[in-house]
Amino acid sequence: MEALVPLIIQLVTGAIGGHAVGAAFKQAAMSAVMKTISGAIGGVGGGAILASLLGGGDPAAAAGAMSGVLGDAVGGVAGGGILTAIVGAVMGAMKKS
């Protein structure tokens, strides 16, 4: 159960970050489902990257560096937003071609 809580937090906050970026950059016409999926995937990736950077791969050290829930949320929002922006840019470029 302890392993699922960070994953759920990263998925949800990633989707939130994806929707926020999708709303900010409306020129890349993405559906809500696409924003949610890319945000959730980016959220998990961002959370994993942040945890490895802060803790050197050691979850206990990462928890000490930044509170677990806060770190998962920050990594999720950032990762979800970044991946959604990348996917939106690629989709926008494909539509122009």
C-alpha atoms as a PDB file:
ATOM      1  CA  MET A   1       0.000   0.000   0.000  1.00  0.00           C
ATOM      2  CA  GLU A   2       2.891   2.360   0.740  1.00  0.00           C
ATOM      3  CA  ALA A   3       4.118   2.026  -2.839  1.00  0.00           C
ATOM      4  CA  LEU A   4       0.706   2.885  -4.308  1.00  0.00           C
ATOM      5  CA  VAL A   5       0.164   6.205  -2.524  1.00  0.00           C
ATOM      6  CA  PRO A   6       3.051   8.060  -4.240  1.00  0.00           C
ATOM      7  CA  LEU A   7       2.012   6.633  -7.597  1.00  0.00           C
ATOM      8  CA  ILE A   8      -1.596   7.784  -7.160  1.00  0.00           C
ATOM      9  CA  ILE A   9      -0.428  11.244  -6.075  1.00  0.00           C
ATOM     10  CA  GLN A  10       1.860  11.495  -9.116  1.00  0.00           C
ATOM     11  CA  LEU A  11      -0.900  10.358 -11.489  1.00  0.00           C
ATOM     12  CA  VAL A  12      -3.453  12.832 -10.152  1.00  0.00           C
ATOM     13  CA  THR A  13      -1.116  15.809  -9.887  1.00  0.00           C
ATOM     14  CA  GLY A  14       0.338  14.984 -13.300  1.00  0.00           C
ATOM     15  CA  ALA A  15      -3.137  15.107 -14.820  1.00  0.00           C
ATOM     16  CA  ILE A  16      -3.725  18.454 -13.094  1.00  0.00           C
ATOM     17  CA  GLY A  17      -0.442  19.805 -14.449  1.00  0.00           C
ATOM     18  CA  GLY A  18      -1.317  18.514 -17.915  1.00  0.00           C
ATOM     19  CA  HIS A  19      -4.677  20.264 -17.886  1.00  0.00           C
ATOM     20  CA  ALA A  20      -3.125  23.493 -16.623  1.00  0.00           C
ATOM     21  CA  VAL A  21      -0.548  23.559 -19.411  1.00  0.00           C
ATOM     22  CA  GLY A  22      -3.164  22.524 -21.967  1.00  0.00           C
ATOM     23  CA  ALA A  23      -5.363  25.427 -20.901  1.00  0.00           C
ATOM     24  CA  ALA A  24      -2.467  27.875 -21.011  1.00  0.00           C
ATOM     25  CA  PHE A  25      -1.346  26.851 -24.515  1.00  0.00           C
ATOM     26  CA  LYS A  26      -4.559  26.627 -26.480  1.00  0.00           C
ATOM     27  CA  GLN A  27      -2.836  26.716 -29.873  1.00  0.00           C
ATOM     28  CA  ALA A  28      -2.148  22.991 -29.518  1.00  0.00           C
ATOM     29  CA  ALA A  29      -5.676  21.636 -29.769  1.00  0.00           C
ATOM     30  CA  MET A  30      -5.557  18.598 -27.524  1.00  0.00           C
ATOM     31  CA  SER A  31      -8.568  16.745 -26.226  1.00  0.00           C
ATOM     32  CA  ALA A  32      -9.169  16.497 -22.502  1.00  0.00           C
ATOM     33  CA  VAL A  33      -8.396  12.775 -22.627  1.00  0.00           C
ATOM     34  CA  MET A  34      -5.040  13.441 -24.289  1.00  0.00           C
ATOM     35  CA  LYS A  35      -4.164  16.092 -21.679  1.00  0.00           C
ATOM     36  CA  THR A  36      -5.088  13.693 -18.885  1.00  0.00           C
ATOM     37  CA  ILE A  37      -3.105  10.767 -20.285  1.00  0.00           C
ATOM     38  CA  SER A  38       0.024  12.749 -21.127  1.00  0.00           C
ATOM     39  CA  GLY A  39      -0.162  14.572 -17.787  1.00  0.00           C
ATOM     40  CA  ALA A  40      -0.537  11.358 -15.796  1.00  0.00           C
ATOM     41  CA  ILE A  41       2.358   9.668 -17.594  1.00  0.00           C
ATOM     42  CA  GLY A  42       4.513  12.765 -17.190  1.00  0.00           C
ATOM     43  CA  GLY A  43       3.529  12.998 -13.546  1.00  0.00           C
ATOM     44  CA  VAL A  44       4.808   9.524 -12.785  1.00  0.00           C
ATOM     45  CA  GLY A  45       8.002  10.200 -14.717  1.00  0.00           C
ATOM     46  CA  GLY A  46       8.530  13.589 -13.074  1.00  0.00           C
ATOM     47  CA  GLY A  47       7.924  12.162  -9.625  1.00  0.00           C
ATOM     48  CA  ALA A  48      10.402   9.355 -10.226  1.00  0.00           C
ATOM     49  CA  ILE A  49      13.042  11.748 -11.568  1.00  0.00           C
ATOM     50  CA  LEU A  50      12.601  14.151  -8.655  1.00  0.00           C
ATOM     51  CA  ALA A  51      12.826  11.322  -6.123  1.00  0.00           C
ATOM     52  CA  SER A  52      16.016   9.979  -7.684  1.00  0.00           C
ATOM     53  CA  LEU A  53      17.592  13.432  -7.855  1.00  0.00           C
ATOM     54  CA  LEU A  54      16.787  14.304  -4.262  1.00  0.00           C
ATOM     55  CA  GLY A  55      17.523  10.945  -2.734  1.00  0.00           C
ATOM     56  CA  GLY A  56      20.064   9.431  -5.080  1.00  0.00           C
ATOM     57  CA  GLY A  57      17.707   6.504  -5.617  1.00  0.00           C
ATOM     58  CA  ASP A  58      17.182   5.985  -1.889  1.00  0.00           C
ATOM     59  CA  PRO A  59      13.514   6.669  -1.032  1.00  0.00           C
ATOM     60  CA  ALA A  60      14.350   7.232   2.637  1.00  0.00           C
ATOM     61  CA  ALA A  61      16.853   9.952   1.757  1.00  0.00           C
ATOM     62  CA  ALA A  62      14.377  11.534  -0.670  1.00  0.00           C
ATOM     63  CA  ALA A  63      11.742  11.616   2.047  1.00  0.00           C
ATOM     64  CA  GLY A  64      14.178  13.393   4.310  1.00  0.00           C
ATOM     65  CA  ALA A  65      15.109  15.934   1.637  1.00  0.00           C
ATOM     66  CA  MET A  66      11.518  16.782   0.748  1.00  0.00           C
ATOM     67  CA  SER A  67       8.356  15.557   2.379  1.00  0.00           C
ATOM     68  CA  GLY A  68       7.103  12.484   0.486  1.00  0.00           C
ATOM     69  CA  VAL A  69       3.668  13.804  -0.428  1.00  0.00           C
ATOM     70  CA  LEU A  70       4.972  17.250  -1.311  1.00  0.00           C
ATOM     71  CA  GLY A  71       7.777  15.814  -3.428  1.00  0.00           C
ATOM     72  CA  ASP A  72       5.387  13.518  -5.274  1.00  0.00           C
ATOM     73  CA  ALA A  73       2.990  16.394  -5.909  1.00  0.00           C
ATOM     74  CA  VAL A  74       5.674  18.785  -7.152  1.00  0.00           C
ATOM     75  CA  GLY A  75       7.234  16.139  -9.385  1.00  0.00           C
ATOM     76  CA  GLY A  76       3.818  15.128 -10.675  1.00  0.00           C
ATOM     77  CA  VAL A  77       2.684  18.632 -11.585  1.00  0.00           C
ATOM     78  CA  ALA A  78       6.006  19.530 -13.183  1.00  0.00           C
ATOM     79  CA  GLY A  79       6.369  16.266 -15.099  1.00  0.00           C
ATOM     80  CA  GLY A  80       2.750  16.308 -16.251  1.00  0.00           C
ATOM     81  CA  GLY A  81       3.005  19.884 -17.428  1.00  0.00           C
ATOM     82  CA  ILE A  82       6.273  19.353 -19.258  1.00  0.00           C
ATOM     83  CA  LEU A  83       5.168  16.197 -21.059  1.00  0.00           C
ATOM     84  CA  THR A  84       1.829  17.752 -22.028  1.00  0.00           C
ATOM     85  CA  ALA A  85       3.638  20.785 -23.444  1.00  0.00           C
ATOM     86  CA  ILE A  86       5.904  18.512 -25.484  1.00  0.00           C
ATOM     87  CA  VAL A  87       3.000  16.408 -26.766  1.00  0.00           C
ATOM     88  CA  GLY A  88       1.037  19.571 -27.593  1.00  0.00           C
ATOM     89  CA  ALA A  89       3.959  21.035 -29.522  1.00  0.00           C
ATOM     90  CA  VAL A  90       4.415  17.815 -31.496  1.00  0.00           C
ATOM     91  CA  MET A  91       0.700  17.583 -32.262  1.00  0.00           C
ATOM     92  CA  GLY A  92       0.622  21.246 -33.300  1.00  0.00           C
ATOM     93  CA  ALA A  93       3.587  20.725 -35.628  1.00  0.00           C
ATOM     94  CA  MET A  94       1.942  17.655 -37.142  1.00  0.00           C
ATOM     95  CA  LYS A  95      -1.250  19.608 -37.877  1.00  0.00           C
ATOM     96  CA  LYS A  96       0.702  22.330 -39.670  1.00  0.00           C
ATOM     97  CA  SER A  97       2.344  19.798 -41.992  1.00  0.00           C
END
